[in-house]
Amino acid sequence: MGSTDKKVSTDDGAARERPGCSISQVERALGILEGRWKLLIIHHLLVRQPRRFSELERAIPRVTQKMLIQQLRALEADGVVRRIVFPEVPPHVEYELTPTGTALTPALNALHDWAADTRPGA
């Protein structure tokens, strides 16, 4: 098991708080990331950025346009994503991660590794 188990549990498996990190901070972080599409949006921006709205729409085909807009606006409001507007006709808008969003790279890599190692129903 990776080093993260030492950060969130004791030797006997009982959960404990990580020094310098309160439950309310964890709840706030999870609140920022909650939503069906936010982690996928962040993932696609980590793979290649900046990305235009239409590129994100094609990369996540099951998301509706309305939901993608809502999730991007929420991520922008939380300082995870930056929206760049180019003053031209037709409008050209790109999205990229802020340093806060880029800081999620190790967490998403760990999630990727966990998903690769986990079998359905296991």
Protein backbone atom coordinates (compact mmCIF):
# COMPACT_ATOMS: atom_id res chain seq x y z
CA MET A 1 0.00 0.00 0.00
CA GLY A 2 1.21 3.55 -0.75
CA SER A 3 2.30 6.13 1.77
CA THR A 4 -1.15 7.70 2.02
CA ASP A 5 -2.32 5.00 4.45
CA LYS A 6 0.13 6.38 7.02
CA LYS A 7 -1.42 9.83 6.70
CA VAL A 8 -5.03 8.89 7.38
CA SER A 9 -5.01 5.82 9.62
CA THR A 10 -3.18 4.37 12.57
CA ASP A 11 -1.50 0.98 12.67
CA ASP A 12 -4.67 -0.62 13.98
CA GLY A 13 -6.70 0.83 11.10
CA ALA A 14 -8.61 3.38 13.21
CA ALA A 15 -9.09 6.70 11.46
CA ARG A 16 -7.31 9.74 12.84
CA GLU A 17 -6.93 13.33 11.79
CA ARG A 18 -3.86 14.32 9.89
CA PRO A 19 -1.83 16.97 11.74
CA GLY A 20 -2.61 20.44 10.46
CA CYS A 21 -5.77 19.37 8.63
CA SER A 22 -9.19 19.54 10.23
CA ILE A 23 -12.32 17.67 9.22
CA SER A 24 -13.87 20.98 8.14
CA GLN A 25 -10.97 21.54 5.72
CA VAL A 26 -11.49 18.09 4.23
CA GLU A 27 -15.23 18.74 3.95
CA ARG A 28 -14.54 22.05 2.19
CA ALA A 29 -12.15 20.36 -0.27
CA LEU A 30 -14.65 17.59 -1.00
CA GLY A 31 -17.38 20.21 -1.43
CA ILE A 32 -15.32 21.91 -4.13
CA LEU A 33 -14.84 18.60 -5.96
CA GLU A 34 -18.34 17.20 -5.49
CA GLY A 35 -20.37 16.82 -8.61
CA ARG A 36 -20.51 14.11 -11.19
CA TRP A 37 -18.31 15.84 -13.78
CA LYS A 38 -15.81 18.02 -11.90
CA LEU A 39 -13.09 15.40 -11.50
CA LEU A 40 -13.40 14.43 -15.17
CA ILE A 41 -13.12 18.08 -16.21
CA ILE A 42 -10.02 18.50 -14.04
CA HIS A 43 -8.59 15.25 -15.42
CA HIS A 44 -9.02 16.41 -19.03
CA LEU A 45 -7.43 19.77 -18.23
CA LEU A 46 -4.49 18.01 -16.57
CA VAL A 47 -3.97 15.92 -19.70
CA ARG A 48 -3.89 18.98 -21.99
CA GLN A 49 -4.57 22.62 -21.39
CA PRO A 50 -5.84 25.07 -22.26
CA ARG A 51 -8.95 23.56 -23.77
CA ARG A 52 -11.85 25.14 -25.53
CA PHE A 53 -15.37 24.47 -24.31
CA SER A 54 -16.15 22.35 -27.38
CA GLU A 55 -13.06 20.20 -26.75
CA LEU A 56 -14.23 19.48 -23.21
CA GLU A 57 -17.70 18.71 -24.55
CA ARG A 58 -16.24 16.14 -26.97
CA ALA A 59 -13.93 14.69 -24.31
CA ILE A 60 -16.87 14.07 -21.94
CA PRO A 61 -19.67 13.02 -24.32
CA ARG A 62 -22.22 12.08 -21.65
CA VAL A 63 -22.28 15.54 -20.02
CA THR A 64 -24.93 17.97 -21.17
CA GLN A 65 -23.90 21.44 -22.30
CA LYS A 66 -25.83 23.01 -19.42
CA MET A 67 -24.16 20.79 -16.82
CA LEU A 68 -20.69 21.35 -18.26
CA ILE A 69 -21.24 25.12 -18.07
CA GLN A 70 -22.46 24.84 -14.46
CA GLN A 71 -19.55 22.67 -13.38
CA LEU A 72 -16.98 24.91 -15.10
CA ARG A 73 -18.50 28.01 -13.47
CA ALA A 74 -18.39 26.36 -10.05
CA LEU A 75 -14.76 25.30 -10.53
CA GLU A 76 -13.94 28.84 -11.66
CA ALA A 77 -15.69 30.34 -8.61
CA ASP A 78 -13.68 28.02 -6.35
CA GLY A 79 -10.40 29.03 -7.98
CA VAL A 80 -9.65 25.65 -9.56
CA VAL A 81 -10.20 26.62 -13.21
CA ARG A 82 -9.43 29.84 -15.07
CA ARG A 83 -11.64 31.00 -17.94
CA ILE A 84 -9.82 32.91 -20.65
CA VAL A 85 -11.94 34.99 -23.04
CA PHE A 86 -10.44 36.15 -26.33
CA PRO A 87 -12.18 39.29 -27.66
CA GLU A 88 -12.99 38.14 -31.17
CA VAL A 89 -15.98 37.12 -33.25
CA PRO A 90 -17.09 34.40 -32.87
CA PRO A 91 -16.25 34.32 -29.16
CA HIS A 92 -13.24 32.17 -28.26
CA VAL A 93 -13.09 30.88 -24.69
CA GLU A 94 -10.51 28.54 -23.22
CA TYR A 95 -10.20 26.88 -19.83
CA GLU A 96 -7.07 26.02 -17.91
CA LEU A 97 -6.22 24.95 -14.39
CA THR A 98 -5.03 27.46 -11.84
CA PRO A 99 -2.11 26.54 -9.57
CA THR A 100 -4.75 25.30 -7.09
CA GLY A 101 -6.18 23.01 -9.76
CA THR A 102 -2.76 21.78 -10.83
CA ALA A 103 -2.01 20.92 -7.20
CA LEU A 104 -4.63 18.15 -7.53
CA THR A 105 -2.29 16.18 -9.82
CA PRO A 106 -0.95 13.81 -7.10
CA ALA A 107 -4.47 13.10 -5.84
CA LEU A 108 -5.76 12.32 -9.34
CA ASN A 109 -2.71 10.17 -10.06
CA ALA A 110 -3.44 8.22 -6.85
CA LEU A 111 -7.10 7.87 -7.91
CA HIS A 112 -5.97 6.64 -11.33
CA ASP A 113 -3.67 4.06 -9.73
CA TRP A 114 -6.40 2.94 -7.36
CA ALA A 115 -8.88 2.56 -10.24
CA ALA A 116 -6.35 0.52 -12.24
CA ASP A 117 -5.71 -1.80 -9.28
CA THR A 118 -9.34 -2.23 -8.23
CA ARG A 119 -11.45 -4.89 -9.80
CA PRO A 120 -15.23 -4.46 -9.98
CA GLY A 121 -16.92 -6.27 -7.12
CA ALA A 122 -13.67 -6.68 -5.18
